[in-house]
Amino acid sequence: MGTRIKLIFLILCVAGGAHAQSYVFGIKGGPVIATQNWNNFQRNPLFAGHAILSIETWAEDDPNSLFAQIGYHERGSSLRQNFINPTTGFSPQTNSFKFRNAGLTIGAKRKIRMGTWSPYYTLGIRGEYTFSTNLDEFVDKNFTSITTYPLNEFVEHWTYGIYAGGGTEFEISEFIGAVVELSVLPDLGRQYYQPALNDVSVYNPYTGTTTRGLSEKTIRNVSLEISFGLRFLRKVEYID
C-alpha cells in the first residue's frame, strides 16, 4: 500500500507542476510481445496490445524531462502443446493466458540531440493493477490435463517493475510531433503466486495415473512494447 501511495503522490507532483510551465501531452499505443517466467522457465510469447496517455515537462533548451503516463497493457504468455496422442487423436493446440492491466509509470527522459528529430532514452518505475484475466477458460482443463493451468484465485492483482526504453521524436509543426518508441518492461513483483497444494490430485488422461499434490507456482511478466504516437506541446510564455 505504501508503494502505491508514493506512486500516486509523484504523478500528482508532475501533473501539478505542469500548470506553471510548458508541458507535452501525448497519446501512443501499439503491439506488445508479452512473455512470462513460470518458476523461472520462460513461456512462449503472447502477441497483444497497449494504449497510453502521457504528460511530460518541457523546456526549449533542456534535453532532460520528467514524465508520467497511465495506460492499458495486456500481459501474459502462451503454451504450445506439440504432441499428438495416437489413441485419442489429440492434436496440437496453443493456450493463451491473458492478464489485462491498468498501469501508472513515472520516470525521466533524456534527448541525445535536439532538433526536428530527437532520439532519446528513458528510465522509470511503474505499478500495474490486474482488473481481469481469461483464466476462467482453463478451469475445466485443469481436471483433464497433465498441465496445471493458472487459477484466478492466485492472481496477484498489484505488481510493479522497471520501465526502460528509447525512441525518436519527429517534429511535425511547432506544437505537434510524432514519436516511435521501443520499451522493455520486466516485472519485479509477482503477477501470480500459488503456494504448494498437498491436498489435491492431478489426473493424467494419457497414462491413467494420478499425481498427488501441486508444487508452488510463481509467474512474473516480461514485456516488449512498440509504440507509435503523437505529442502536443502546451507552451507557456511569460511577458514582462
C-alpha atoms as a PDB file:
ATOM      1  CA  MET A   1       0.000   0.000   0.000  1.00  0.00           C
ATOM      2  CA  GLY A   2       2.850   2.407   0.800  1.00  0.00           C
ATOM      3  CA  THR A   3       4.374   1.957  -2.667  1.00  0.00           C
ATOM      4  CA  ARG A   4       1.035   2.757  -4.338  1.00  0.00           C
ATOM      5  CA  ILE A   5       0.632   5.959  -2.302  1.00  0.00           C
ATOM      6  CA  LYS A   6       4.134   7.118  -3.267  1.00  0.00           C
ATOM      7  CA  LEU A   7       3.432   6.492  -6.966  1.00  0.00           C
ATOM      8  CA  ILE A   8       0.183   8.481  -6.832  1.00  0.00           C
ATOM      9  CA  PHE A   9       1.919  11.324  -4.951  1.00  0.00           C
ATOM     10  CA  LEU A  10       4.712  11.560  -7.530  1.00  0.00           C
ATOM     11  CA  ILE A  11       2.386  11.679 -10.529  1.00  0.00           C
ATOM     12  CA  LEU A  12       0.328  14.403  -8.840  1.00  0.00           C
ATOM     13  CA  CYS A  13       3.520  16.415  -8.316  1.00  0.00           C
ATOM     14  CA  VAL A  14       4.447  16.124 -12.000  1.00  0.00           C
ATOM     15  CA  ALA A  15       0.937  16.989 -13.167  1.00  0.00           C
ATOM     16  CA  GLY A  16       0.614  19.859 -10.702  1.00  0.00           C
ATOM     17  CA  GLY A  17       3.899  21.416 -11.790  1.00  0.00           C
ATOM     18  CA  ALA A  18       2.774  21.298 -15.409  1.00  0.00           C
ATOM     19  CA  HIS A  19       0.198  24.066 -14.764  1.00  0.00           C
ATOM     20  CA  ALA A  20       3.025  26.540 -14.100  1.00  0.00           C
ATOM     21  CA  GLN A  21       5.250  25.639 -17.029  1.00  0.00           C
ATOM     22  CA  SER A  22       5.240  24.300 -20.563  1.00  0.00           C
ATOM     23  CA  TYR A  23       4.436  20.637 -20.940  1.00  0.00           C
ATOM     24  CA  VAL A  24       3.743  17.980 -23.566  1.00  0.00           C
ATOM     25  CA  PHE A  25       0.624  15.825 -23.651  1.00  0.00           C
ATOM     26  CA  GLY A  26       0.926  12.571 -25.578  1.00  0.00           C
ATOM     27  CA  ILE A  27      -1.029   9.572 -26.776  1.00  0.00           C
ATOM     28  CA  LYS A  28       0.588   6.381 -28.046  1.00  0.00           C
ATOM     29  CA  GLY A  29      -0.003   2.685 -28.470  1.00  0.00           C
ATOM     30  CA  GLY A  30       0.888  -0.390 -30.447  1.00  0.00           C
ATOM     31  CA  PRO A  31       1.761  -4.070 -30.233  1.00  0.00           C
ATOM     32  CA  VAL A  32       3.087  -5.946 -27.212  1.00  0.00           C
ATOM     33  CA  ILE A  33       5.254  -9.051 -27.206  1.00  0.00           C
ATOM     34  CA  ALA A  34       4.394 -10.441 -23.781  1.00  0.00           C
ATOM     35  CA  THR A  35       6.216 -13.315 -22.102  1.00  0.00           C
ATOM     36  CA  GLN A  36       6.185 -14.789 -18.613  1.00  0.00           C
ATOM     37  CA  ASN A  37       8.551 -16.711 -16.395  1.00  0.00           C
ATOM     38  CA  TRP A  38       6.791 -19.619 -14.692  1.00  0.00           C
ATOM     39  CA  ASN A  39       9.071 -20.724 -11.856  1.00  0.00           C
ATOM     40  CA  ASN A  40      11.993 -19.260 -13.868  1.00  0.00           C
ATOM     41  CA  PHE A  41      11.011 -21.140 -17.053  1.00  0.00           C
ATOM     42  CA  GLN A  42      10.091 -18.790 -19.894  1.00  0.00           C
ATOM     43  CA  ARG A  43       6.855 -19.477 -21.788  1.00  0.00           C
ATOM     44  CA  ASN A  44       6.095 -18.733 -25.426  1.00  0.00           C
ATOM     45  CA  PRO A  45       5.183 -15.130 -26.299  1.00  0.00           C
ATOM     46  CA  LEU A  46       1.690 -13.701 -26.441  1.00  0.00           C
ATOM     47  CA  PHE A  47       1.082 -11.016 -29.075  1.00  0.00           C
ATOM     48  CA  ALA A  48      -1.195  -8.330 -27.632  1.00  0.00           C
ATOM     49  CA  GLY A  49      -1.556  -4.538 -27.446  1.00  0.00           C
ATOM     50  CA  HIS A  50      -1.332  -1.409 -25.295  1.00  0.00           C
ATOM     51  CA  ALA A  51      -2.540   2.219 -25.212  1.00  0.00           C
ATOM     52  CA  ILE A  52      -1.041   5.081 -23.168  1.00  0.00           C
ATOM     53  CA  LEU A  53      -1.744   8.707 -22.214  1.00  0.00           C
ATOM     54  CA  SER A  54       1.258  10.723 -21.020  1.00  0.00           C
ATOM     55  CA  ILE A  55       2.304  14.120 -19.696  1.00  0.00           C
ATOM     56  CA  GLU A  56       5.896  15.415 -19.782  1.00  0.00           C
ATOM     57  CA  THR A  57       7.762  18.509 -18.645  1.00  0.00           C
ATOM     58  CA  TRP A  58       9.255  20.616 -21.438  1.00  0.00           C
ATOM     59  CA  ALA A  59      11.864  23.367 -21.737  1.00  0.00           C
ATOM     60  CA  GLU A  60      13.108  24.596 -25.092  1.00  0.00           C
ATOM     61  CA  ASP A  61      16.850  24.169 -24.487  1.00  0.00           C
ATOM     62  CA  ASP A  62      16.801  21.384 -21.899  1.00  0.00           C
ATOM     63  CA  PRO A  63      17.310  17.787 -23.122  1.00  0.00           C
ATOM     64  CA  ASN A  64      16.106  16.388 -19.788  1.00  0.00           C
ATOM     65  CA  SER A  65      12.493  15.960 -18.720  1.00  0.00           C
ATOM     66  CA  LEU A  66      10.232  14.115 -16.290  1.00  0.00           C
ATOM     67  CA  PHE A  67       7.147  12.222 -17.384  1.00  0.00           C
ATOM     68  CA  ALA A  68       4.140  10.352 -16.061  1.00  0.00           C
ATOM     69  CA  GLN A  69       1.839   8.079 -18.008  1.00  0.00           C
ATOM     70  CA  ILE A  70      -1.229   5.910 -17.492  1.00  0.00           C
ATOM     71  CA  GLY A  71      -2.359   3.167 -19.804  1.00  0.00           C
ATOM     72  CA  TYR A  72      -3.850  -0.188 -20.642  1.00  0.00           C
ATOM     73  CA  HIS A  73      -1.416  -3.091 -21.036  1.00  0.00           C
ATOM     74  CA  GLU A  74      -2.018  -6.708 -21.960  1.00  0.00           C
ATOM     75  CA  ARG A  75       0.357  -9.114 -20.221  1.00  0.00           C
ATOM     76  CA  GLY A  76       0.603 -12.866 -20.457  1.00  0.00           C
ATOM     77  CA  SER A  77       2.118 -15.752 -22.389  1.00  0.00           C
ATOM     78  CA  SER A  78       1.173 -18.800 -24.421  1.00  0.00           C
ATOM     79  CA  LEU A  79       1.745 -22.520 -24.048  1.00  0.00           C
ATOM     80  CA  ARG A  80       2.092 -24.613 -27.188  1.00  0.00           C
ATOM     81  CA  GLN A  81       1.458 -28.337 -26.888  1.00  0.00           C
ATOM     82  CA  ASN A  82       3.062 -30.099 -29.842  1.00  0.00           C
ATOM     83  CA  PHE A  83       2.410 -33.747 -29.025  1.00  0.00           C
ATOM     84  CA  ILE A  84      -0.240 -35.962 -30.616  1.00  0.00           C
ATOM     85  CA  ASN A  85      -1.827 -38.913 -28.851  1.00  0.00           C
ATOM     86  CA  PRO A  86      -2.274 -41.735 -31.425  1.00  0.00           C
ATOM     87  CA  THR A  87      -5.100 -43.265 -29.371  1.00  0.00           C
ATOM     88  CA  THR A  88      -7.289 -40.232 -28.727  1.00  0.00           C
ATOM     89  CA  GLY A  89      -6.286 -38.279 -31.808  1.00  0.00           C
ATOM     90  CA  PHE A  90      -5.386 -35.286 -29.678  1.00  0.00           C
ATOM     91  CA  SER A  91      -3.972 -32.552 -31.919  1.00  0.00           C
ATOM     92  CA  PRO A  92      -1.514 -29.766 -31.054  1.00  0.00           C
ATOM     93  CA  GLN A  93      -3.001 -26.594 -29.603  1.00  0.00           C
ATOM     94  CA  THR A  94      -1.964 -23.233 -28.206  1.00  0.00           C
ATOM     95  CA  ASN A  95      -3.332 -21.859 -24.954  1.00  0.00           C
ATOM     96  CA  SER A  96      -3.030 -18.119 -24.315  1.00  0.00           C
ATOM     97  CA  PHE A  97      -3.009 -16.721 -20.778  1.00  0.00           C
ATOM     98  CA  LYS A  98      -4.096 -13.074 -20.713  1.00  0.00           C
ATOM     99  CA  PHE A  99      -3.786 -10.558 -17.880  1.00  0.00           C
ATOM    100  CA  ARG A 100      -5.396  -7.173 -18.584  1.00  0.00           C
ATOM    101  CA  ASN A 101      -3.615  -4.475 -16.585  1.00  0.00           C
ATOM    102  CA  ALA A 102      -4.027  -0.757 -15.932  1.00  0.00           C
ATOM    103  CA  GLY A 103      -0.635   0.856 -15.382  1.00  0.00           C
ATOM    104  CA  LEU A 104       0.946   4.004 -13.953  1.00  0.00           C
ATOM    105  CA  THR A 105       4.550   4.929 -14.834  1.00  0.00           C
ATOM    106  CA  ILE A 106       6.798   7.791 -13.737  1.00  0.00           C
ATOM    107  CA  GLY A 107      10.320   8.384 -14.957  1.00  0.00           C
ATOM    108  CA  ALA A 108      12.989  10.541 -16.539  1.00  0.00           C
ATOM    109  CA  LYS A 109      13.885  11.100 -20.171  1.00  0.00           C
ATOM    110  CA  ARG A 110      16.984  12.443 -21.887  1.00  0.00           C
ATOM    111  CA  LYS A 111      17.290  13.519 -25.510  1.00  0.00           C
ATOM    112  CA  ILE A 112      20.554  12.584 -27.197  1.00  0.00           C
ATOM    113  CA  ARG A 113      20.236  15.503 -29.595  1.00  0.00           C
ATOM    114  CA  MET A 114      17.831  18.401 -30.104  1.00  0.00           C
ATOM    115  CA  GLY A 115      16.243  19.252 -33.436  1.00  0.00           C
ATOM    116  CA  THR A 116      13.489  18.295 -35.861  1.00  0.00           C
ATOM    117  CA  TRP A 117      14.185  14.675 -34.945  1.00  0.00           C
ATOM    118  CA  SER A 118      15.384  13.861 -31.455  1.00  0.00           C
ATOM    119  CA  PRO A 119      16.453  10.372 -30.342  1.00  0.00           C
ATOM    120  CA  TYR A 120      16.110   9.749 -26.609  1.00  0.00           C
ATOM    121  CA  TYR A 121      16.193   7.162 -23.860  1.00  0.00           C
ATOM    122  CA  THR A 122      14.018   6.747 -20.771  1.00  0.00           C
ATOM    123  CA  LEU A 123      14.083   5.027 -17.403  1.00  0.00           C
ATOM    124  CA  GLY A 124      11.294   4.777 -14.875  1.00  0.00           C
ATOM    125  CA  ILE A 125       9.318   2.733 -12.396  1.00  0.00           C
ATOM    126  CA  ARG A 126       5.753   1.515 -12.813  1.00  0.00           C
ATOM    127  CA  GLY A 127       2.887  -0.069 -10.963  1.00  0.00           C
ATOM    128  CA  GLU A 128       0.090  -2.109 -12.525  1.00  0.00           C
ATOM    129  CA  TYR A 129      -3.292  -3.402 -11.425  1.00  0.00           C
ATOM    130  CA  THR A 130      -4.834  -6.517 -12.995  1.00  0.00           C
ATOM    131  CA  PHE A 131      -8.565  -5.910 -13.464  1.00  0.00           C
ATOM    132  CA  SER A 132      -9.397  -9.043 -15.500  1.00  0.00           C
ATOM    133  CA  THR A 133      -7.956 -12.249 -16.979  1.00  0.00           C
ATOM    134  CA  ASN A 134      -9.087 -15.107 -19.210  1.00  0.00           C
ATOM    135  CA  LEU A 135      -8.075 -17.804 -16.719  1.00  0.00           C
ATOM    136  CA  ASP A 136     -11.661 -18.983 -16.235  1.00  0.00           C
ATOM    137  CA  GLU A 137     -11.344 -20.611 -19.669  1.00  0.00           C
ATOM    138  CA  PHE A 138      -8.975 -23.201 -18.171  1.00  0.00           C
ATOM    139  CA  VAL A 139     -10.967 -24.292 -15.133  1.00  0.00           C
ATOM    140  CA  ASP A 140     -12.319 -27.426 -16.833  1.00  0.00           C
ATOM    141  CA  LYS A 141      -8.966 -28.222 -18.438  1.00  0.00           C
ATOM    142  CA  ASN A 142      -7.364 -28.428 -15.020  1.00  0.00           C
ATOM    143  CA  PHE A 143      -9.356 -31.617 -14.409  1.00  0.00           C
ATOM    144  CA  THR A 144      -8.379 -33.350 -17.666  1.00  0.00           C
ATOM    145  CA  SER A 145      -4.856 -32.173 -18.463  1.00  0.00           C
ATOM    146  CA  ILE A 146      -1.380 -33.174 -17.390  1.00  0.00           C
ATOM    147  CA  THR A 147      -0.583 -29.439 -17.334  1.00  0.00           C
ATOM    148  CA  THR A 148      -1.951 -27.442 -14.400  1.00  0.00           C
ATOM    149  CA  TYR A 149      -3.064 -24.020 -15.600  1.00  0.00           C
ATOM    150  CA  PRO A 150      -3.160 -20.822 -13.501  1.00  0.00           C
ATOM    151  CA  LEU A 151      -6.298 -20.060 -11.488  1.00  0.00           C
ATOM    152  CA  ASN A 152      -7.879 -16.657 -10.841  1.00  0.00           C
ATOM    153  CA  GLU A 153      -7.782 -17.286  -7.104  1.00  0.00           C
ATOM    154  CA  PHE A 154      -3.993 -16.906  -7.055  1.00  0.00           C
ATOM    155  CA  VAL A 155      -3.586 -13.828  -9.280  1.00  0.00           C
ATOM    156  CA  GLU A 156      -1.567 -11.030  -7.643  1.00  0.00           C
ATOM    157  CA  HIS A 157      -3.650  -8.015  -8.678  1.00  0.00           C
ATOM    158  CA  TRP A 158      -0.936  -5.445  -7.832  1.00  0.00           C
ATOM    159  CA  THR A 159       2.505  -5.735  -9.371  1.00  0.00           C
ATOM    160  CA  TYR A 160       5.392  -3.384 -10.156  1.00  0.00           C
ATOM    161  CA  GLY A 161       8.537  -3.225 -12.253  1.00  0.00           C
ATOM    162  CA  ILE A 162      11.001  -1.294 -14.393  1.00  0.00           C
ATOM    163  CA  TYR A 163      10.296   0.811 -17.469  1.00  0.00           C
ATOM    164  CA  ALA A 164      13.297   1.233 -19.812  1.00  0.00           C
ATOM    165  CA  GLY A 165      13.315   2.251 -23.437  1.00  0.00           C
ATOM    166  CA  GLY A 166      14.321   4.546 -26.215  1.00  0.00           C
ATOM    167  CA  GLY A 167      12.885   6.127 -29.301  1.00  0.00           C
ATOM    168  CA  THR A 168      12.782   9.105 -31.600  1.00  0.00           C
ATOM    169  CA  GLU A 169      10.625  12.220 -31.754  1.00  0.00           C
ATOM    170  CA  PHE A 170       9.785  13.832 -35.099  1.00  0.00           C
ATOM    171  CA  GLU A 171       8.654  17.446 -35.310  1.00  0.00           C
ATOM    172  CA  ILE A 172       5.537  17.908 -37.472  1.00  0.00           C
ATOM    173  CA  SER A 173       4.913  21.538 -36.527  1.00  0.00           C
ATOM    174  CA  GLU A 174       5.832  23.842 -33.654  1.00  0.00           C
ATOM    175  CA  PHE A 175       3.196  22.303 -31.404  1.00  0.00           C
ATOM    176  CA  ILE A 176       2.702  18.788 -32.791  1.00  0.00           C
ATOM    177  CA  GLY A 177       5.157  15.910 -33.032  1.00  0.00           C
ATOM    178  CA  ALA A 178       5.243  12.174 -33.663  1.00  0.00           C
ATOM    179  CA  VAL A 179       7.043   9.503 -31.673  1.00  0.00           C
ATOM    180  CA  VAL A 180       8.275   5.954 -32.238  1.00  0.00           C
ATOM    181  CA  GLU A 181       9.406   4.067 -29.137  1.00  0.00           C
ATOM    182  CA  LEU A 182      10.627   0.651 -28.029  1.00  0.00           C
ATOM    183  CA  SER A 183      10.298  -0.237 -24.328  1.00  0.00           C
ATOM    184  CA  VAL A 184      11.279  -3.199 -22.170  1.00  0.00           C
ATOM    185  CA  LEU A 185       9.153  -3.829 -19.077  1.00  0.00           C
ATOM    186  CA  PRO A 186      10.367  -6.530 -16.670  1.00  0.00           C
ATOM    187  CA  ASP A 187       8.290  -7.087 -13.541  1.00  0.00           C
ATOM    188  CA  LEU A 188       9.903  -7.169 -10.109  1.00  0.00           C
ATOM    189  CA  GLY A 189       6.661  -8.114  -8.391  1.00  0.00           C
ATOM    190  CA  ARG A 190       4.712 -11.315  -8.957  1.00  0.00           C
ATOM    191  CA  GLN A 191       1.757 -11.499 -11.319  1.00  0.00           C
ATOM    192  CA  TYR A 192       0.744 -14.855  -9.866  1.00  0.00           C
ATOM    193  CA  TYR A 193       1.600 -16.851  -6.783  1.00  0.00           C
ATOM    194  CA  GLN A 194       0.216 -20.280  -5.971  1.00  0.00           C
ATOM    195  CA  PRO A 195       1.589 -21.956  -2.845  1.00  0.00           C
ATOM    196  CA  ALA A 196       2.250 -25.663  -2.783  1.00  0.00           C
ATOM    197  CA  LEU A 197      -1.031 -27.603  -2.562  1.00  0.00           C
ATOM    198  CA  ASN A 198      -0.797 -31.028  -0.949  1.00  0.00           C
ATOM    199  CA  ASP A 199      -4.489 -31.886  -0.741  1.00  0.00           C
ATOM    200  CA  VAL A 200      -5.282 -32.068  -4.477  1.00  0.00           C
ATOM    201  CA  SER A 201      -4.906 -34.787  -7.110  1.00  0.00           C
ATOM    202  CA  VAL A 202      -3.920 -34.295 -10.763  1.00  0.00           C
ATOM    203  CA  TYR A 203      -5.117 -36.901 -13.260  1.00  0.00           C
ATOM    204  CA  ASN A 204      -3.039 -37.724 -16.361  1.00  0.00           C
ATOM    205  CA  PRO A 205      -5.501 -38.853 -19.081  1.00  0.00           C
ATOM    206  CA  TYR A 206      -2.724 -40.272 -21.259  1.00  0.00           C
ATOM    207  CA  THR A 207      -1.233 -42.635 -18.688  1.00  0.00           C
ATOM    208  CA  GLY A 208      -4.283 -43.124 -16.483  1.00  0.00           C
ATOM    209  CA  THR A 209      -2.287 -42.247 -13.376  1.00  0.00           C
ATOM    210  CA  THR A 210      -2.956 -39.712 -10.648  1.00  0.00           C
ATOM    211  CA  THR A 211      -0.340 -37.486  -9.034  1.00  0.00           C
ATOM    212  CA  ARG A 212      -0.865 -36.223  -5.512  1.00  0.00           C
ATOM    213  CA  GLY A 213      -0.146 -32.560  -4.767  1.00  0.00           C
ATOM    214  CA  LEU A 214       0.924 -29.495  -6.747  1.00  0.00           C
ATOM    215  CA  SER A 215       4.197 -27.646  -6.397  1.00  0.00           C
ATOM    216  CA  GLU A 216       4.474 -23.896  -5.792  1.00  0.00           C
ATOM    217  CA  LYS A 217       3.968 -21.723  -8.881  1.00  0.00           C
ATOM    218  CA  THR A 218       5.261 -18.167  -9.368  1.00  0.00           C
ATOM    219  CA  ILE A 219       4.698 -16.093 -12.524  1.00  0.00           C
ATOM    220  CA  ARG A 220       6.396 -12.813 -13.463  1.00  0.00           C
ATOM    221  CA  ASN A 221       5.872 -10.731 -16.604  1.00  0.00           C
ATOM    222  CA  VAL A 222       8.477  -9.556 -19.099  1.00  0.00           C
ATOM    223  CA  SER A 223       7.081  -7.484 -21.969  1.00  0.00           C
ATOM    224  CA  LEU A 224       8.359  -5.654 -25.037  1.00  0.00           C
ATOM    225  CA  GLU A 225       6.185  -2.747 -26.226  1.00  0.00           C
ATOM    226  CA  ILE A 226       6.422  -0.976 -29.586  1.00  0.00           C
ATOM    227  CA  SER A 227       4.687   2.407 -29.513  1.00  0.00           C
ATOM    228  CA  PHE A 228       3.595   4.885 -32.178  1.00  0.00           C
ATOM    229  CA  GLY A 229       2.057   8.155 -31.119  1.00  0.00           C
ATOM    230  CA  LEU A 230       1.516  11.899 -31.247  1.00  0.00           C
ATOM    231  CA  ARG A 231       2.744  14.673 -28.932  1.00  0.00           C
ATOM    232  CA  PHE A 232       1.061  18.037 -28.345  1.00  0.00           C
ATOM    233  CA  LEU A 233       3.014  20.938 -26.832  1.00  0.00           C
ATOM    234  CA  ARG A 234       1.397  23.424 -24.457  1.00  0.00           C
ATOM    235  CA  LYS A 235       3.867  26.281 -24.481  1.00  0.00           C
ATOM    236  CA  VAL A 236       3.796  28.858 -21.696  1.00  0.00           C
ATOM    237  CA  GLU A 237       5.448  32.209 -22.433  1.00  0.00           C
ATOM    238  CA  TYR A 238       5.972  34.867 -19.767  1.00  0.00           C
ATOM    239  CA  ILE A 239       5.703  38.502 -20.836  1.00  0.00           C
ATOM    240  CA  ASP A 240       7.202  41.218 -18.651  1.00  0.00           C
END
